[in-house]
Amino acid sequence: MSTADVDKETRPLLQDSSTTSEQSGISRQLNNASQSTKTEVSLHAVVSKVTIELLSKEITKKWREIGRKLEFSDADLDRIKSDTTEGHKEQVYQMLKKWKEQKGKNATYKRLGEALMKCDRTDLQQWLEREAEALNKGSTVPTNQSDCTNEAGEEEIQFIDMQKKKTLNYIILVSCIILLMFALILTVFFVRRASTTANINPAIKTTTPSTTSMTSTTADRNPATTNTTSSTTSMGTTTIKYPYYVKIQNYADEPGRHNLILGSNSPGDFVLYTSSHKVHGTLFVVTQYTFQYSKRPTETISGVLVRDKWDDDTGGYPELMAGGPGKGYVVVKISSQTHRGFDFSFSVYGRNT
């Protein structure tokens, strides 16, 4: 094959390659022109409310300067600032909103971008161009460069803030409930304490003569006997004589009862004094009561019986505070179990010469 034949065969291939290259270049130019036209058309669109909301979060210190470029006077800017008390972002939003209302169809992305560029905010001007293109496609462009990442980050921060608020509200609610319960407990405690303070007096007192007679104590409040034959009341105390002798040591081992026996009694002894006291339980409170008796000059104390009337092991505990058999007085304090009350009888045995 000759050189001329080779040239004839290869020339059409080269021409086809050149034609293809020229066509692709023209296609790129047409695409670029089309995109440029679309961008230009988008920039002449009216700024959307979404764009104003996003942009108001990004304009910070130079908002008044931007307002002047948008043909606002200083008086207008001062009025916007005074009328808006929600903060800086709301002031910028109201300024852009008024600009859009005043300019109408002329409130375009292009004019707003030019004002931003004159204030050295080319970053926001470029964002506006991207926003205009995105709006044509039915979407929006974030104002920062790390698009989806920052959006997800903001959502995560908002979720965390919401969880923190819920946790804080829960803690406040629980704290209030605890404080109310504590206040209620203290109130009950002090009310109960005030009601029993008059009866709790461990100090030793001497009985003084009194013109008021005491009521005779019935036999069922005195475990020493079941029948009462006579009673003698004088000097503010009660002296009861019983025909049957019951030894107080018989009550030492009663199951479920917290009895206290001091000394002993003999067949010739009388019940010099007897009394009883019953209280109901109070939540978280230990209630106390004091029995006390001071003998007359003619009396001798030989035995003391403090008997628990409850037999289920829930009663209080008696304790000798002072005095006792052979002495001129006796003081016994009763202390309840926590939350519970008690019911005790107090009997003093001896002789009256």
Protein backbone atom coordinates (compact mmCIF):
# COMPACT_ATOMS: atom_id res chain seq x y z
CA MET A 1 0.00 0.00 0.00
CA SER A 2 1.33 3.41 -0.97
CA THR A 3 1.74 6.44 1.27
CA ALA A 4 -1.05 8.24 -0.55
CA ASP A 5 -3.45 5.39 0.16
CA VAL A 6 -2.53 5.51 3.86
CA ASP A 7 -3.20 9.27 3.94
CA LYS A 8 -6.57 8.78 2.30
CA GLU A 9 -7.55 6.17 4.88
CA THR A 10 -6.33 8.03 7.96
CA ARG A 11 -7.54 11.54 6.99
CA PRO A 12 -11.27 10.84 7.60
CA LEU A 13 -10.42 9.47 11.07
CA LEU A 14 -8.55 12.59 12.00
CA GLN A 15 -11.33 14.76 10.69
CA ASP A 16 -13.90 12.81 12.71
CA SER A 17 -11.77 13.14 15.86
CA SER A 18 -11.44 16.89 15.37
CA THR A 19 -15.16 17.24 14.76
CA THR A 20 -15.97 15.30 17.96
CA SER A 21 -13.62 17.48 20.01
CA GLU A 22 -15.19 20.66 18.62
CA GLN A 23 -18.68 19.38 19.37
CA SER A 24 -17.79 18.52 23.00
CA GLY A 25 -16.28 21.98 23.49
CA ILE A 26 -19.40 23.63 22.12
CA SER A 27 -21.54 21.43 24.38
CA ARG A 28 -19.58 22.52 27.46
CA GLN A 29 -19.91 26.16 26.51
CA LEU A 30 -23.65 25.75 26.04
CA ASN A 31 -23.97 24.03 29.42
CA ASN A 32 -21.94 26.74 31.12
CA ALA A 33 -24.01 29.40 29.43
CA SER A 34 -27.18 27.62 30.48
CA GLN A 35 -26.00 27.38 34.08
CA SER A 36 -24.94 31.03 33.99
CA THR A 37 -28.34 31.99 32.67
CA LYS A 38 -30.08 29.97 35.36
CA THR A 39 -27.89 31.55 38.06
CA GLU A 40 -28.58 35.00 36.68
CA VAL A 41 -32.31 34.33 36.64
CA SER A 42 -32.14 32.95 40.21
CA LEU A 43 -30.27 36.04 41.46
CA HIS A 44 -33.07 38.25 40.12
CA ALA A 45 -35.64 36.30 42.15
CA VAL A 46 -37.16 37.85 45.29
CA VAL A 47 -35.40 36.85 48.50
CA SER A 48 -37.40 34.16 50.33
CA LYS A 49 -38.42 34.21 53.98
CA VAL A 50 -36.26 31.15 54.64
CA THR A 51 -33.22 32.99 53.27
CA ILE A 52 -33.94 35.97 55.53
CA GLU A 53 -34.22 33.70 58.58
CA LEU A 54 -30.95 31.91 57.80
CA LEU A 55 -29.11 35.12 56.94
CA SER A 56 -30.21 36.88 60.14
CA LYS A 57 -28.27 34.27 62.13
CA GLU A 58 -25.01 35.06 60.28
CA ILE A 59 -24.98 38.87 60.18
CA THR A 60 -23.42 40.09 63.40
CA LYS A 61 -21.49 43.31 64.00
CA LYS A 62 -21.95 45.05 60.64
CA TRP A 63 -25.73 44.84 60.53
CA ARG A 64 -26.18 48.62 60.68
CA GLU A 65 -23.64 49.10 57.87
CA ILE A 66 -25.48 46.52 55.78
CA GLY A 67 -28.73 48.33 56.58
CA ARG A 68 -27.30 51.59 55.21
CA LYS A 69 -26.30 49.81 51.99
CA LEU A 70 -29.91 48.64 51.77
CA GLU A 71 -30.95 52.33 51.88
CA PHE A 72 -32.04 52.46 55.52
CA SER A 73 -31.42 55.69 57.43
CA ASP A 74 -29.86 55.75 60.90
CA ALA A 75 -33.24 56.76 62.30
CA ASP A 76 -34.83 53.71 60.70
CA LEU A 77 -32.16 51.44 62.15
CA ASP A 78 -32.56 53.01 65.61
CA ARG A 79 -36.30 52.48 65.40
CA ILE A 80 -35.85 48.83 64.47
CA LYS A 81 -33.46 48.35 67.38
CA SER A 82 -35.77 50.04 69.90
CA ASP A 83 -38.86 48.17 68.69
CA THR A 84 -37.14 44.78 68.89
CA THR A 85 -36.29 43.46 72.37
CA GLU A 86 -35.74 39.78 71.52
CA GLY A 87 -32.04 40.22 70.69
CA HIS A 88 -29.61 40.89 67.87
CA LYS A 89 -30.79 38.15 65.50
CA GLU A 90 -34.37 39.38 65.68
CA GLN A 91 -33.21 42.94 64.92
CA VAL A 92 -31.42 41.76 61.76
CA TYR A 93 -34.45 39.69 60.78
CA GLN A 94 -36.81 42.68 61.17
CA MET A 95 -34.43 44.88 59.12
CA LEU A 96 -34.29 42.40 56.22
CA LYS A 97 -38.04 41.83 56.45
CA LYS A 98 -38.76 45.59 56.21
CA TRP A 99 -36.32 45.87 53.29
CA LYS A 100 -38.18 43.12 51.45
CA GLU A 101 -41.55 44.75 52.18
CA GLN A 102 -40.33 48.17 50.97
CA LYS A 103 -38.59 46.98 47.81
CA GLY A 104 -41.13 44.38 46.78
CA LYS A 105 -40.04 42.76 43.48
CA ASN A 106 -36.72 44.60 43.65
CA ALA A 107 -35.75 42.81 46.88
CA THR A 108 -33.66 40.28 44.94
CA TYR A 109 -30.78 38.01 45.82
CA LYS A 110 -28.51 40.08 43.58
CA ARG A 111 -29.19 43.39 45.35
CA LEU A 112 -28.84 41.85 48.76
CA GLY A 113 -25.59 40.15 47.69
CA GLU A 114 -24.21 43.45 46.39
CA ALA A 115 -24.92 45.11 49.74
CA LEU A 116 -23.16 42.27 51.54
CA MET A 117 -20.15 42.45 49.21
CA LYS A 118 -19.81 46.22 49.81
CA CYS A 119 -19.57 45.43 53.54
CA ASP A 120 -16.78 42.84 52.99
CA ARG A 121 -19.13 39.89 53.51
CA THR A 122 -18.29 38.05 50.31
CA ASP A 123 -18.81 34.78 52.14
CA LEU A 124 -22.49 35.60 52.61
CA GLN A 125 -22.74 36.96 49.05
CA GLN A 126 -21.44 33.63 47.70
CA TRP A 127 -23.80 31.76 49.95
CA LEU A 128 -26.70 33.80 48.55
CA GLU A 129 -25.78 32.67 45.03
CA ARG A 130 -25.77 29.04 46.13
CA GLU A 131 -29.03 29.60 47.98
CA ALA A 132 -30.67 31.08 44.88
CA GLU A 133 -29.61 28.07 42.80
CA ALA A 134 -30.76 25.65 45.46
CA LEU A 135 -34.17 27.30 45.73
CA ASN A 136 -34.72 26.68 42.01
CA LYS A 137 -34.17 22.98 42.75
CA GLY A 138 -36.51 23.04 45.76
CA SER A 139 -33.87 22.92 48.53
CA THR A 140 -31.83 25.24 50.73
CA VAL A 141 -28.14 25.64 51.36
CA PRO A 142 -26.72 25.91 54.87
CA THR A 143 -24.88 29.13 55.61
CA ASN A 144 -21.64 27.37 56.60
CA GLN A 145 -19.26 25.16 54.69
CA SER A 146 -19.69 21.94 56.64
CA ASP A 147 -23.29 21.55 55.42
CA CYS A 148 -24.83 18.31 56.63
CA THR A 149 -22.35 17.87 59.46
CA ASN A 150 -23.25 21.18 61.08
CA GLU A 151 -26.96 20.63 60.55
CA ALA A 152 -26.74 17.23 62.25
CA GLY A 153 -24.59 18.78 64.98
CA GLU A 154 -27.17 21.48 65.64
CA GLU A 155 -29.94 18.91 65.82
CA GLU A 156 -27.89 16.83 68.23
CA ILE A 157 -27.16 19.89 70.38
CA GLN A 158 -30.85 20.79 70.45
CA PHE A 159 -31.72 17.21 71.44
CA ILE A 160 -29.11 17.24 74.21
CA ASP A 161 -30.37 20.60 75.48
CA MET A 162 -33.90 19.24 75.54
CA GLN A 163 -32.78 16.18 77.49
CA LYS A 164 -30.89 18.39 79.94
CA LYS A 165 -33.99 20.51 80.49
CA LYS A 166 -36.11 17.40 81.10
CA THR A 167 -33.53 16.03 83.54
CA LEU A 168 -33.30 19.36 85.34
CA ASN A 169 -37.08 19.60 85.63
CA TYR A 170 -37.20 16.06 87.00
CA ILE A 171 -34.50 16.83 89.57
CA ILE A 172 -36.33 19.98 90.64
CA LEU A 173 -39.60 18.05 91.00
CA VAL A 174 -37.99 15.28 93.08
CA SER A 175 -36.19 17.86 95.23
CA CYS A 176 -39.45 19.69 95.91
CA ILE A 177 -41.17 16.45 96.91
CA ILE A 178 -38.31 15.54 99.26
CA LEU A 179 -38.35 19.01 100.82
CA LEU A 180 -42.10 18.85 101.33
CA MET A 181 -41.82 15.43 102.97
CA PHE A 182 -38.99 16.64 105.19
CA ALA A 183 -40.98 19.73 106.17
CA LEU A 184 -44.00 17.55 106.98
CA ILE A 185 -41.89 15.23 109.13
CA LEU A 186 -40.38 18.18 111.02
CA THR A 187 -43.82 19.69 111.55
CA VAL A 188 -45.20 16.45 112.96
CA PHE A 189 -42.12 16.01 115.11
CA PHE A 190 -42.24 19.47 116.68
CA VAL A 191 -46.01 19.38 117.15
CA ARG A 192 -45.73 16.03 118.85
CA ARG A 193 -42.79 17.20 120.92
CA ALA A 194 -44.65 20.31 121.99
CA SER A 195 -47.64 18.23 123.04
CA THR A 196 -45.51 15.93 125.21
CA THR A 197 -43.04 18.48 126.61
CA ALA A 198 -45.31 19.27 129.52
CA ASN A 199 -45.27 15.61 130.56
CA ILE A 200 -41.52 15.05 130.09
CA ASN A 201 -39.82 16.41 133.18
CA PRO A 202 -37.02 14.30 134.57
CA ALA A 203 -36.40 16.79 137.35
CA ILE A 204 -37.30 15.62 140.83
CA LYS A 205 -40.25 17.49 142.27
CA THR A 206 -41.55 17.45 145.81
CA THR A 207 -45.29 17.08 146.15
CA THR A 208 -46.86 20.09 147.85
CA PRO A 209 -50.17 20.07 149.70
CA SER A 210 -53.17 20.65 147.47
CA THR A 211 -56.79 21.41 148.25
CA THR A 212 -57.97 19.46 145.20
CA SER A 213 -58.58 15.77 145.87
CA MET A 214 -57.47 13.16 143.38
CA THR A 215 -59.92 10.61 142.02
CA SER A 216 -59.45 7.12 143.39
CA THR A 217 -57.76 4.76 140.96
CA THR A 218 -59.84 1.71 139.98
CA ALA A 219 -58.65 -1.79 140.62
CA ASP A 220 -58.17 -2.73 136.96
CA ARG A 221 -55.40 -0.11 136.67
CA ASN A 222 -53.55 -1.74 139.55
CA PRO A 223 -52.28 -5.24 138.73
CA ALA A 224 -51.73 -6.01 142.41
CA THR A 225 -55.36 -6.89 143.09
CA THR A 226 -58.84 -7.13 141.55
CA ASN A 227 -60.91 -5.65 144.37
CA THR A 228 -60.85 -2.27 146.04
CA THR A 229 -62.10 -1.97 149.62
CA SER A 230 -61.24 1.63 150.47
CA SER A 231 -59.29 4.63 149.29
CA THR A 232 -57.74 7.54 151.10
CA THR A 233 -56.84 10.76 149.29
CA SER A 234 -54.70 13.50 150.83
CA MET A 235 -51.74 15.75 150.13
CA GLY A 236 -52.37 15.54 146.39
CA THR A 237 -51.58 11.81 146.23
CA THR A 238 -53.72 8.67 146.29
CA THR A 239 -53.35 5.94 148.89
CA ILE A 240 -55.32 2.77 148.17
CA LYS A 241 -55.58 -0.18 150.55
CA TYR A 242 -56.30 -3.63 149.11
CA PRO A 243 -57.31 -6.73 151.06
CA TYR A 244 -55.46 -9.17 148.81
CA TYR A 245 -51.70 -9.34 148.52
CA VAL A 246 -50.16 -9.87 145.05
CA LYS A 247 -46.41 -9.98 144.75
CA ILE A 248 -45.11 -7.59 142.06
CA GLN A 249 -42.34 -10.04 141.08
CA ASN A 250 -45.07 -12.16 139.47
CA TYR A 251 -45.06 -9.68 136.57
CA ALA A 252 -41.34 -9.94 135.89
CA ASP A 253 -41.52 -12.49 133.06
CA GLU A 254 -44.68 -11.58 131.14
CA PRO A 255 -44.09 -12.41 127.46
CA GLY A 256 -44.25 -9.50 125.01
CA ARG A 257 -44.30 -6.88 127.79
CA HIS A 258 -41.50 -4.53 128.87
CA ASN A 259 -42.15 -4.36 132.61
CA LEU A 260 -39.89 -2.68 135.18
CA ILE A 261 -39.88 -3.95 138.81
CA LEU A 262 -37.98 -2.09 141.51
CA GLY A 263 -37.70 -3.53 145.04
CA SER A 264 -40.53 -5.72 146.34
CA ASN A 265 -43.75 -5.55 148.29
CA SER A 266 -44.89 -7.46 151.37
CA PRO A 267 -48.35 -8.43 152.63
CA GLY A 268 -48.57 -5.34 154.81
CA ASP A 269 -47.82 -2.84 152.02
CA PHE A 270 -50.30 -0.46 150.44
CA VAL A 271 -50.45 1.08 146.98
CA LEU A 272 -49.21 4.57 147.80
CA TYR A 273 -49.71 5.90 144.26
CA THR A 274 -50.86 4.62 140.89
CA SER A 275 -51.19 6.22 137.47
CA SER A 276 -51.20 5.29 133.79
CA HIS A 277 -50.39 6.97 130.52
CA LYS A 278 -51.09 6.05 126.89
CA VAL A 279 -49.82 7.73 123.70
CA HIS A 280 -50.16 6.94 120.00
CA GLY A 281 -47.21 6.54 117.65
CA THR A 282 -45.89 9.30 115.39
CA LEU A 283 -43.91 8.77 112.19
CA PHE A 284 -40.11 8.93 112.76
CA VAL A 285 -40.64 10.08 116.36
CA VAL A 286 -39.59 8.53 119.69
CA THR A 287 -42.13 9.68 122.30
CA GLN A 288 -41.22 9.99 125.98
CA TYR A 289 -43.17 10.39 129.20
CA THR A 290 -42.07 10.64 132.85
CA PHE A 291 -43.80 9.08 135.87
CA GLN A 292 -42.74 10.50 139.21
CA TYR A 293 -43.79 10.32 142.84
CA SER A 294 -42.49 11.94 146.05
CA LYS A 295 -43.49 10.32 149.32
CA ARG A 296 -45.00 12.01 152.33
CA PRO A 297 -43.03 12.16 155.57
CA THR A 298 -45.00 9.23 157.04
CA GLU A 299 -44.58 6.96 154.00
CA THR A 300 -41.92 4.43 153.08
CA ILE A 301 -41.42 3.27 149.47
CA SER A 302 -40.72 -0.47 149.29
CA GLY A 303 -41.51 -1.40 145.66
CA VAL A 304 -42.35 0.03 142.23
CA LEU A 305 -44.13 -1.73 139.37
CA VAL A 306 -44.09 -0.18 135.86
CA ARG A 307 -46.24 -2.51 133.75
CA ASP A 308 -46.54 -2.59 129.98
CA LYS A 309 -50.19 -3.04 128.94
CA TRP A 310 -49.26 -4.18 125.42
CA ASP A 311 -48.22 -7.82 125.07
CA ASP A 312 -47.06 -7.82 121.41
CA ASP A 313 -43.53 -6.51 122.07
CA THR A 314 -44.36 -3.14 120.47
CA GLY A 315 -44.59 -1.13 123.67
CA GLY A 316 -42.06 1.31 125.07
CA TYR A 317 -39.17 0.81 127.46
CA PRO A 318 -39.18 2.04 131.10
CA GLU A 319 -36.01 3.37 132.73
CA LEU A 320 -35.31 4.45 136.31
CA MET A 321 -34.06 8.02 136.25
CA ALA A 322 -33.75 8.77 139.97
CA GLY A 323 -34.82 7.58 143.43
CA GLY A 324 -36.48 4.24 144.02
CA PRO A 325 -37.32 1.90 146.95
CA GLY A 326 -35.95 3.11 150.29
CA LYS A 327 -35.71 6.70 149.05
CA GLY A 328 -38.05 9.64 149.25
CA TYR A 329 -38.99 9.74 145.56
CA VAL A 330 -38.98 7.78 142.34
CA VAL A 331 -38.70 9.01 138.74
CA VAL A 332 -39.25 6.62 135.78
CA LYS A 333 -39.05 7.65 132.11
CA ILE A 334 -40.89 5.76 129.35
CA SER A 335 -39.46 5.88 125.80
CA SER A 336 -41.43 4.53 122.86
CA GLN A 337 -40.05 2.62 119.90
CA THR A 338 -39.62 4.67 116.72
CA HIS A 339 -42.99 5.33 115.01
CA ARG A 340 -44.85 3.67 117.91
CA GLY A 341 -46.67 4.67 121.08
CA PHE A 342 -47.06 2.93 124.44
CA ASP A 343 -49.48 2.27 127.31
CA PHE A 344 -48.00 1.86 130.83
CA SER A 345 -49.24 1.79 134.40
CA PHE A 346 -47.12 3.12 137.28
CA SER A 347 -47.67 1.82 140.84
CA VAL A 348 -45.72 2.68 143.99
CA TYR A 349 -45.94 0.30 146.98
CA GLY A 350 -45.06 0.99 150.61
CA ARG A 351 -46.32 1.65 154.10
CA ASN A 352 -47.90 4.60 155.79
CA THR A 353 -47.03 4.72 159.48
